[in-house]
Amino acid sequence: MKANVSIYSLDIRGLQAFPPGGEAQSASLHGQSAYSGASILNDLNGNAASQDTLATLSSDTGGKAFFDSNDFGPVFSQVQKDSSVYYVLGFTSNNPLKDGRFRRLKVQVNRADLKLDFRSGYYAGRDFEHLNRADREQQLEDELAAQLPRVDVPLYAGAAFFRQDDSHYYLAVSLVVPGSQIPFVTEKEKDSATIDIVGEVREGGKFPVGHLRDTVKLAVESTQQVRRKNVQYNTGFVLAPGSYHLKFVIRENQTGRIGSFETDVQIPDLRKSPLKMSSVVLSNLRAPVTNKKNGANPLVRDQMELVPNITHVFAPDQHLYLQYEVYDAVKGKNPAPAATPSLNADQKGGQNGAGKDVPTVKAPKDSIRVFTSIEFLQGSTKIYESKPVVANEVTAPDRKAVIFQMDLPLQLLRPGLYLCQVNVIDDVAGSFSFPRFPLLIREPVPAAPEKAGD
């Protein structure tokens, strides 16, 4: 009925006869029911009950039901006749509510010799306000399975992988929604809103291997804090190397608007790579950890979480934080100490990205030696390069990982579009990698002019 479809039902059993002793495919009856007529009455009642369902389905949708006939030809002729000639009537309801309830219809004509066949009623549309909890959950699941995206709420996402062991990787995922797209309501002197998030990870785009369902409550002192910024949700999945399809659906629960985003992600098998390296995460924010279940997240260190900046857009007064990891670095004999400062891999870089001037510490004779630095390019011109950082120790022994955390103040660079290149060299193994990322430093926002006093 909700799909505006008329159903014509047909009992294909045709005209049935019920012998007193029962049909041949069933066992003989016992007792007196075969002689008192009770068995015949039971068969007739069962047959009528099964036909009542078909009759109700046809009547409610404006169709017809055909029973007790072995000649199906007239049945199809009647269906064809009904669907070939009909009137379409339109009207405007005086009930504006979209509550999803059934509303009855009645059609009358001023001729007594006519018989009318029409639908008995229809179900009104149902808006988000009138959806119950189960319907709201089903709405998210239906949207997750839909082929076409929803763009009522802008949504975009980014992902980065980090190795846990040879067969398991942590895929960090960040979802971003513009704050201006989330309506807030004032409660207890605060502006609050809730958003529902559902997501799914499919291996090869076919087999589900990860699922996400969460409700996020937002509460701020003023919506102006959010409207000019983005709302970001961070999560993660533990996956094996392979190709995956990610889809996420988000819904703001004030008006029920929905947005979706889907992308393909490739987690490489680093056992086949000369230099085993994770993704490079760019950020401009470190935030205290509020979720105690972030034990597997490599972006959390010392109760501080590195919040990925997936747009790679920065302000001139911000810092650029980078984090990446190198796995299974090869050990070898170290040469005599050089002038280049040698730091622990997880030490923060200083203003020049190379760290504070520290005394050169002589590395053990058999240790790793991994160099890294950051370059900023415009075209073929190198605009800036940080001093190299040398790692001689494995930072996370349980994952055999050397963790690099770099800190570059962007005030050293002029606003503009850059190509950020991360240089990583395993000096002992003779392997290297130079991943690049576009990065935009936007023009500073001019301060509002102060009003002169009276």
Protein backbone atom coordinates (compact mmCIF):
# COMPACT_ATOMS: atom_id res chain seq x y z
CA MET A 1 0.00 0.00 0.00
CA LYS A 2 2.83 2.40 0.82
CA ALA A 3 4.33 1.67 -2.61
CA ASN A 4 1.01 2.50 -4.35
CA VAL A 5 0.70 -1.02 -5.79
CA SER A 6 -2.57 -2.97 -6.23
CA ILE A 7 -2.27 -6.69 -5.52
CA TYR A 8 -4.46 -9.29 -7.30
CA SER A 9 -4.28 -12.61 -5.50
CA LEU A 10 -5.08 -16.04 -6.91
CA ASP A 11 -5.55 -19.35 -5.08
CA ILE A 12 -3.76 -21.75 -7.42
CA ARG A 13 -5.26 -24.75 -5.61
CA GLY A 14 -8.38 -24.11 -7.67
CA LEU A 15 -11.68 -25.77 -6.77
CA GLN A 16 -11.10 -28.19 -3.94
CA ALA A 17 -13.10 -31.18 -2.72
CA PHE A 18 -12.63 -32.53 0.80
CA PRO A 19 -13.33 -36.27 1.14
CA PRO A 20 -14.65 -37.34 4.56
CA GLY A 21 -11.73 -39.69 5.23
CA GLY A 22 -9.07 -37.19 4.30
CA GLU A 23 -6.93 -36.86 1.19
CA ALA A 24 -4.72 -39.66 -0.11
CA GLN A 25 -1.41 -37.96 0.89
CA SER A 26 -2.35 -37.92 4.60
CA ALA A 27 -2.88 -40.73 7.10
CA SER A 28 -6.36 -42.09 7.80
CA LEU A 29 -8.41 -40.31 10.44
CA HIS A 30 -9.03 -41.90 13.80
CA GLY A 31 -12.03 -41.54 16.02
CA GLN A 32 -15.51 -40.32 15.06
CA SER A 33 -14.62 -37.04 13.29
CA ALA A 34 -14.78 -38.72 9.87
CA TYR A 35 -18.40 -39.81 10.55
CA SER A 36 -19.71 -36.77 12.40
CA GLY A 37 -18.68 -34.18 9.82
CA ALA A 38 -16.13 -32.50 12.14
CA SER A 39 -13.21 -33.31 9.82
CA ILE A 40 -14.98 -31.74 6.83
CA LEU A 41 -15.76 -28.65 8.91
CA ASN A 42 -12.12 -28.34 10.01
CA ASP A 43 -10.91 -28.61 6.41
CA LEU A 44 -13.35 -25.95 5.24
CA ASN A 45 -12.39 -23.61 8.08
CA GLY A 46 -8.67 -24.05 7.34
CA ASN A 47 -9.21 -23.39 3.65
CA ALA A 48 -11.25 -20.26 4.38
CA ALA A 49 -8.63 -18.96 6.80
CA SER A 50 -5.89 -19.30 4.21
CA GLN A 51 -8.04 -17.47 1.65
CA ASP A 52 -8.91 -14.67 4.10
CA THR A 53 -5.29 -13.54 4.14
CA LEU A 54 -5.22 -13.22 0.35
CA ALA A 55 -8.60 -11.47 0.33
CA THR A 56 -7.49 -8.91 2.92
CA LEU A 57 -4.24 -8.21 1.07
CA SER A 58 -6.09 -7.60 -2.19
CA SER A 59 -8.87 -5.52 -0.64
CA ASP A 60 -6.53 -3.22 1.28
CA THR A 61 -4.42 -2.45 -1.80
CA GLY A 62 -7.30 -1.92 -4.22
CA GLY A 63 -7.00 -5.26 -6.03
CA LYS A 64 -9.19 -8.36 -6.21
CA ALA A 65 -8.96 -11.95 -5.02
CA PHE A 66 -9.90 -15.00 -7.14
CA PHE A 67 -10.80 -18.30 -5.44
CA ASP A 68 -12.32 -21.69 -6.20
CA SER A 69 -11.79 -21.78 -9.95
CA ASN A 70 -9.84 -24.18 -12.11
CA ASP A 71 -10.01 -21.87 -15.14
CA PHE A 72 -7.34 -19.20 -14.77
CA GLY A 73 -8.03 -17.56 -18.14
CA PRO A 74 -10.84 -15.25 -16.92
CA VAL A 75 -8.72 -14.30 -13.94
CA PHE A 76 -5.95 -12.80 -16.05
CA SER A 77 -8.48 -11.20 -18.38
CA GLN A 78 -10.08 -9.44 -15.41
CA VAL A 79 -6.72 -8.23 -14.12
CA GLN A 80 -5.84 -6.87 -17.55
CA LYS A 81 -9.23 -5.18 -17.84
CA ASP A 82 -8.93 -3.48 -14.44
CA SER A 83 -5.45 -2.17 -15.15
CA SER A 84 -6.21 -0.91 -18.67
CA VAL A 85 -9.08 1.47 -17.90
CA TYR A 86 -9.22 3.50 -14.68
CA TYR A 87 -9.52 7.00 -13.30
CA VAL A 88 -6.81 8.79 -11.37
CA LEU A 89 -8.16 11.15 -8.72
CA GLY A 90 -6.00 13.61 -6.81
CA PHE A 91 -6.70 15.61 -3.68
CA THR A 92 -4.97 17.64 -1.00
CA SER A 93 -5.39 16.39 2.53
CA ASN A 94 -6.42 18.87 5.20
CA ASN A 95 -4.32 16.91 7.72
CA PRO A 96 -0.72 18.20 7.48
CA LEU A 97 0.71 15.76 10.03
CA LYS A 98 3.28 13.25 8.76
CA ASP A 99 2.64 10.69 11.45
CA GLY A 100 2.59 7.54 9.29
CA ARG A 101 -0.97 6.61 10.30
CA PHE A 102 -3.59 4.96 8.09
CA ARG A 103 -6.12 7.35 6.56
CA ARG A 104 -9.32 6.03 5.07
CA LEU A 105 -10.68 7.04 1.67
CA LYS A 106 -14.21 7.03 0.36
CA VAL A 107 -15.21 7.75 -3.25
CA GLN A 108 -18.85 8.47 -4.24
CA VAL A 109 -20.63 9.08 -7.57
CA ASN A 110 -24.12 10.38 -8.29
CA ARG A 111 -25.18 7.30 -10.30
CA ALA A 112 -26.71 4.32 -8.55
CA ASP A 113 -26.05 1.91 -11.45
CA LEU A 114 -22.26 2.10 -11.10
CA LYS A 115 -20.07 -0.05 -8.90
CA LEU A 116 -16.83 1.48 -7.64
CA ASP A 117 -13.60 -0.32 -6.96
CA PHE A 118 -11.09 1.79 -5.08
CA ARG A 119 -8.48 1.57 -2.39
CA SER A 120 -9.82 1.79 1.15
CA GLY A 121 -7.13 4.19 2.32
CA TYR A 122 -3.45 4.98 2.49
CA TYR A 123 -0.63 5.48 4.97
CA ALA A 124 0.53 9.05 5.47
CA GLY A 125 4.17 9.86 5.14
CA ARG A 126 6.25 9.81 8.29
CA ASP A 127 8.80 12.47 9.10
CA PHE A 128 11.79 12.04 11.39
CA GLU A 129 9.92 13.40 14.40
CA HIS A 130 7.37 10.58 14.26
CA LEU A 131 9.84 7.73 13.77
CA ASN A 132 10.22 5.41 16.73
CA ARG A 133 13.54 4.03 17.87
CA ALA A 134 13.35 0.88 15.76
CA ASP A 135 12.42 2.86 12.64
CA ARG A 136 15.31 5.24 13.18
CA GLU A 137 17.75 2.36 13.46
CA GLN A 138 16.30 0.78 10.34
CA GLN A 139 16.64 4.08 8.51
CA LEU A 140 20.39 4.09 9.17
CA GLU A 141 20.80 0.45 8.14
CA ASP A 142 18.80 1.04 4.94
CA GLU A 143 20.98 4.00 4.08
CA LEU A 144 24.11 1.97 4.77
CA ALA A 145 22.92 -0.62 2.21
CA ALA A 146 21.74 1.96 -0.35
CA GLN A 147 23.50 2.23 -3.69
CA LEU A 148 23.15 6.01 -3.99
CA PRO A 149 24.77 8.41 -1.48
CA ARG A 150 22.95 10.97 0.66
CA VAL A 151 24.34 14.49 0.68
CA ASP A 152 21.94 16.38 2.97
CA VAL A 153 24.80 16.61 5.49
CA PRO A 154 28.32 17.06 4.02
CA LEU A 155 30.61 14.30 5.23
CA TYR A 156 34.17 13.39 4.34
CA ALA A 157 36.68 10.97 5.81
CA GLY A 158 40.32 9.98 5.92
CA ALA A 159 42.19 6.84 6.94
CA ALA A 160 45.72 5.83 7.98
CA PHE A 161 47.17 2.39 8.74
CA PHE A 162 49.69 1.28 11.39
CA ARG A 163 51.08 -2.22 11.82
CA GLN A 164 50.40 -4.25 14.95
CA ASP A 165 52.02 -7.43 13.68
CA ASP A 166 52.61 -9.04 10.28
CA SER A 167 48.94 -9.97 9.82
CA HIS A 168 47.10 -7.23 11.76
CA TYR A 169 46.96 -3.50 11.10
CA TYR A 170 45.17 -0.71 12.92
CA LEU A 171 43.22 1.43 10.46
CA ALA A 172 42.58 4.85 12.02
CA VAL A 173 39.52 6.54 10.48
CA SER A 174 38.45 10.18 10.92
CA LEU A 175 34.99 11.49 9.96
CA VAL A 176 34.52 15.24 9.54
CA VAL A 177 31.26 17.24 9.38
CA PRO A 178 31.17 21.04 9.03
CA GLY A 179 29.92 22.50 12.30
CA SER A 180 27.58 24.82 10.43
CA GLN A 181 25.58 21.79 9.27
CA ILE A 182 24.61 20.64 12.77
CA PRO A 183 21.58 22.35 14.36
CA PHE A 184 21.87 22.95 18.10
CA VAL A 185 19.17 23.42 20.72
CA THR A 186 19.65 25.28 24.00
CA GLU A 187 19.40 23.13 27.13
CA LYS A 188 20.61 24.04 30.64
CA GLU A 189 22.45 27.13 29.43
CA LYS A 190 24.33 25.09 26.84
CA ASP A 191 23.87 24.43 23.16
CA SER A 192 23.58 20.69 22.54
CA ALA A 193 23.04 18.31 19.66
CA THR A 194 23.29 14.58 18.96
CA ILE A 195 24.46 12.77 15.85
CA ASP A 196 24.13 9.09 14.99
CA ILE A 197 26.95 7.34 13.16
CA VAL A 198 26.89 3.94 11.49
CA GLY A 199 29.63 2.45 9.35
CA GLU A 200 30.78 -0.74 7.72
CA VAL A 201 34.02 -2.16 6.34
CA ARG A 202 33.79 -4.73 3.55
CA GLU A 203 36.71 -6.82 2.35
CA GLY A 204 36.92 -6.52 -1.42
CA GLY A 205 33.64 -4.60 -1.27
CA LYS A 206 31.74 -7.86 -0.53
CA PHE A 207 32.27 -9.43 2.89
CA PRO A 208 31.64 -7.36 6.03
CA VAL A 209 34.61 -7.45 8.41
CA GLY A 210 33.93 -4.41 10.59
CA HIS A 211 30.89 -2.49 11.84
CA LEU A 212 30.44 0.78 13.72
CA ARG A 213 27.42 2.19 15.54
CA ASP A 214 27.65 5.15 17.88
CA THR A 215 25.70 8.17 19.11
CA VAL A 216 27.69 11.31 19.84
CA LYS A 217 26.38 14.01 22.16
CA LEU A 218 27.71 17.51 21.61
CA ALA A 219 27.49 20.23 24.25
CA VAL A 220 29.20 23.61 23.88
CA GLU A 221 28.93 26.97 25.58
CA SER A 222 28.02 28.63 22.30
CA THR A 223 27.26 27.33 18.81
CA GLN A 224 29.56 30.02 17.45
CA GLN A 225 32.43 27.82 18.67
CA VAL A 226 31.33 25.07 16.33
CA ARG A 227 29.83 26.85 13.33
CA ARG A 228 33.21 28.19 12.24
CA LYS A 229 34.92 24.83 12.74
CA ASN A 230 34.48 21.13 11.99
CA VAL A 231 33.12 18.33 14.13
CA GLN A 232 35.47 15.35 13.90
CA TYR A 233 34.85 11.77 15.01
CA ASN A 234 37.79 9.36 15.27
CA THR A 235 37.53 5.58 15.32
CA GLY A 236 39.52 2.56 14.15
CA PHE A 237 39.42 -1.05 12.94
CA VAL A 238 41.90 -3.92 13.23
CA LEU A 239 42.24 -5.50 9.77
CA ALA A 240 44.48 -7.80 7.77
CA PRO A 241 46.37 -6.61 4.68
CA GLY A 242 44.04 -6.29 1.68
CA SER A 243 41.57 -4.10 -0.18
CA TYR A 244 38.57 -2.72 1.69
CA HIS A 245 35.52 -0.60 0.99
CA LEU A 246 34.45 1.77 3.75
CA LYS A 247 31.05 3.40 4.03
CA PHE A 248 29.79 5.66 6.79
CA VAL A 249 26.39 7.27 7.37
CA ILE A 250 25.80 10.18 9.74
CA ARG A 251 22.47 11.68 10.86
CA GLU A 252 21.82 14.77 12.91
CA ASN A 253 18.90 14.10 15.24
CA GLN A 254 17.24 17.51 15.22
CA THR A 255 15.76 17.43 11.71
CA GLY A 256 16.88 13.95 10.64
CA ARG A 257 19.10 15.02 7.76
CA ILE A 258 21.53 12.34 6.57
CA GLY A 259 24.89 12.32 4.86
CA SER A 260 27.06 9.43 3.69
CA PHE A 261 30.62 8.89 2.52
CA GLU A 262 32.33 5.85 1.05
CA THR A 263 35.84 5.15 -0.16
CA ASP A 264 38.27 2.35 -0.96
CA VAL A 265 41.30 1.70 1.24
CA GLN A 266 44.33 -0.47 0.53
CA ILE A 267 46.32 -1.88 3.45
CA PRO A 268 49.62 -3.13 2.01
CA ASP A 269 51.46 -6.25 3.09
CA LEU A 270 54.62 -4.63 4.41
CA ARG A 271 56.47 -7.94 4.40
CA LYS A 272 56.99 -7.34 0.68
CA SER A 273 58.22 -3.74 1.07
CA PRO A 274 61.94 -2.81 1.20
CA LEU A 275 61.17 -0.09 3.76
CA LYS A 276 58.31 -1.05 6.03
CA MET A 277 56.56 2.23 6.81
CA SER A 278 53.12 3.25 8.07
CA SER A 279 50.91 6.04 6.79
CA VAL A 280 51.94 9.60 7.56
CA VAL A 281 49.43 11.48 9.71
CA LEU A 282 49.35 15.27 9.53
CA SER A 283 47.77 17.19 12.39
CA ASN A 284 47.49 20.57 14.03
CA LEU A 285 46.03 19.40 17.34
CA ARG A 286 46.93 17.18 20.28
CA ALA A 287 44.02 16.57 22.64
CA PRO A 288 43.71 14.78 26.01
CA VAL A 289 42.33 11.28 25.74
CA THR A 290 38.72 10.96 26.92
CA ASN A 291 38.02 7.40 25.75
CA LYS A 292 39.77 4.76 27.85
CA LYS A 293 39.26 2.14 25.14
CA ASN A 294 41.94 3.60 22.87
CA GLY A 295 44.60 1.12 23.91
CA ALA A 296 45.26 -0.12 20.36
CA ASN A 297 45.30 3.34 18.79
CA PRO A 298 48.92 4.24 17.89
CA LEU A 299 47.95 7.93 17.69
CA VAL A 300 47.53 7.94 21.48
CA ARG A 301 50.72 8.40 23.48
CA ASP A 302 51.13 9.61 27.05
CA GLN A 303 47.36 10.20 27.39
CA MET A 304 47.43 12.61 24.44
CA GLU A 305 45.80 11.84 21.10
CA LEU A 306 47.03 13.20 17.80
CA VAL A 307 43.92 14.39 15.93
CA PRO A 308 44.41 13.88 12.16
CA ASN A 309 43.89 16.86 9.85
CA ILE A 310 42.47 15.11 6.81
CA THR A 311 41.97 18.30 4.77
CA HIS A 312 45.66 19.33 5.10
CA VAL A 313 44.60 22.96 5.52
CA PHE A 314 46.45 24.91 8.21
CA ALA A 315 46.63 28.43 9.63
CA PRO A 316 49.94 30.33 9.78
CA ASP A 317 49.88 30.46 13.59
CA GLN A 318 49.46 26.68 13.98
CA HIS A 319 51.99 23.88 14.39
CA LEU A 320 52.26 21.01 11.94
CA TYR A 321 52.48 17.71 13.80
CA LEU A 322 53.51 14.61 11.87
CA GLN A 323 53.53 11.01 13.06
CA TYR A 324 54.69 7.95 11.18
CA GLU A 325 56.39 4.64 11.98
CA VAL A 326 59.14 2.48 10.52
CA TYR A 327 59.06 -1.26 11.21
CA ASP A 328 61.78 -3.93 11.37
CA ALA A 329 64.65 -1.47 11.00
CA VAL A 330 67.89 -3.34 10.34
CA LYS A 331 70.63 -3.30 12.96
CA GLY A 332 74.24 -2.65 11.99
CA LYS A 333 77.51 -1.19 13.14
CA ASN A 334 77.32 2.53 13.74
CA PRO A 335 80.06 4.87 12.53
CA ALA A 336 81.73 7.42 14.76
CA PRO A 337 79.39 10.14 16.09
CA ALA A 338 78.77 12.88 13.55
CA ALA A 339 77.65 16.49 13.94
CA THR A 340 74.05 15.58 13.18
CA PRO A 341 72.07 15.42 16.42
CA SER A 342 70.85 11.98 17.38
CA LEU A 343 67.44 11.83 19.09
CA ASN A 344 65.06 9.24 20.29
CA ALA A 345 62.53 8.59 17.56
CA ASP A 346 59.60 9.82 19.57
CA GLN A 347 61.15 13.10 20.67
CA LYS A 348 59.40 16.20 19.40
CA GLY A 349 61.18 18.41 16.93
CA GLY A 350 61.99 21.95 17.90
CA GLN A 351 61.27 25.10 15.95
CA ASN A 352 63.43 23.95 13.07
CA GLY A 353 61.91 20.47 13.14
CA ALA A 354 65.16 18.84 14.23
CA GLY A 355 64.73 19.10 17.98
CA LYS A 356 66.55 21.04 20.61
CA ASP A 357 70.30 21.06 20.61
CA VAL A 358 71.24 18.09 22.75
CA PRO A 359 74.60 16.50 23.40
CA THR A 360 75.47 13.80 20.92
CA VAL A 361 74.95 10.41 22.52
CA LYS A 362 77.09 7.62 21.23
CA ALA A 363 74.84 4.87 19.89
CA PRO A 364 75.51 1.21 20.63
CA LYS A 365 77.80 -0.58 18.20
CA ASP A 366 74.96 -2.74 16.83
CA SER A 367 71.86 -0.59 16.55
CA ILE A 368 69.42 0.77 14.00
CA ARG A 369 70.08 4.03 12.16
CA VAL A 370 67.03 5.64 10.55
CA PHE A 371 67.15 9.22 9.26
CA THR A 372 64.15 11.45 8.62
CA SER A 373 63.49 15.08 7.66
CA ILE A 374 60.65 17.19 6.29
CA GLU A 375 60.74 19.26 3.09
CA PHE A 376 58.34 21.87 1.70
CA LEU A 377 58.31 22.28 -2.07
CA GLN A 378 56.64 24.68 -4.48
CA GLY A 379 57.04 23.39 -8.00
CA SER A 380 60.67 22.33 -8.36
CA THR A 381 61.87 24.77 -5.69
CA LYS A 382 62.70 23.61 -2.19
CA ILE A 383 61.31 26.25 0.17
CA TYR A 384 62.29 24.69 3.47
CA GLU A 385 63.88 21.55 4.90
CA SER A 386 64.12 20.61 8.55
CA LYS A 387 67.30 19.30 10.08
CA PRO A 388 67.52 15.51 9.94
CA VAL A 389 66.56 13.42 12.95
CA VAL A 390 68.37 10.13 13.60
CA ALA A 391 66.74 7.22 15.44
CA ASN A 392 68.99 4.58 17.03
CA GLU A 393 66.39 2.83 19.17
CA VAL A 394 63.17 0.91 18.61
CA THR A 395 60.46 2.99 20.29
CA ALA A 396 57.73 0.31 20.49
CA PRO A 397 59.45 -3.09 20.92
CA ASP A 398 56.15 -5.01 20.98
CA ARG A 399 55.44 -3.83 17.42
CA LYS A 400 59.11 -3.51 16.34
CA ALA A 401 58.31 0.09 15.47
CA VAL A 402 60.34 3.27 15.37
CA ILE A 403 57.88 6.10 16.03
CA PHE A 404 58.61 9.54 14.64
CA GLN A 405 56.73 12.56 16.00
CA MET A 406 57.68 15.82 14.34
CA ASP A 407 56.65 19.34 15.31
CA LEU A 408 57.05 22.21 12.81
CA PRO A 409 55.79 25.75 13.48
CA LEU A 410 54.17 27.00 10.27
CA GLN A 411 54.94 30.64 10.98
CA LEU A 412 58.24 29.97 9.24
CA LEU A 413 56.38 29.61 5.92
CA ARG A 414 54.37 32.05 3.88
CA PRO A 415 50.72 31.28 3.14
CA GLY A 416 50.29 29.23 -0.02
CA LEU A 417 50.07 25.72 -1.45
CA TYR A 418 53.01 23.41 -0.74
CA LEU A 419 54.07 19.86 -1.40
CA CYS A 420 55.15 18.35 1.91
CA GLN A 421 57.72 15.57 1.45
CA VAL A 422 58.71 13.21 4.25
CA ASN A 423 62.22 11.78 3.82
CA VAL A 424 62.85 8.43 5.54
CA ILE A 425 66.11 6.48 5.07
CA ASP A 426 67.13 3.23 6.73
CA ASP A 427 70.89 3.76 6.54
CA VAL A 428 71.81 0.20 7.52
CA ALA A 429 69.44 -1.55 5.10
CA GLY A 430 69.95 0.99 2.31
CA SER A 431 66.17 1.42 1.84
CA PHE A 432 64.23 4.65 1.68
CA SER A 433 60.83 6.24 1.10
CA PHE A 434 59.77 9.80 0.20
CA PRO A 435 55.96 10.12 0.51
CA ARG A 436 54.44 13.49 -0.51
CA PHE A 437 51.24 15.32 0.46
CA PRO A 438 49.66 18.58 -0.68
CA LEU A 439 49.40 21.11 2.13
CA LEU A 440 47.73 24.52 2.18
CA ILE A 441 48.65 27.31 4.55
CA ARG A 442 45.77 29.74 4.28
CA GLU A 443 45.94 33.48 4.57
CA PRO A 444 45.51 34.80 8.12
CA VAL A 445 42.01 36.03 8.96
CA PRO A 446 42.10 39.81 9.45
CA ALA A 447 41.12 40.93 12.93
CA ALA A 448 37.84 42.80 13.29
CA PRO A 449 38.36 46.56 13.63
CA GLU A 450 37.79 47.88 17.12
CA LYS A 451 34.96 50.34 17.59
CA ALA A 452 35.98 53.83 18.66
CA GLY A 453 34.61 55.08 21.96
CA ASP A 454 32.11 57.88 22.24
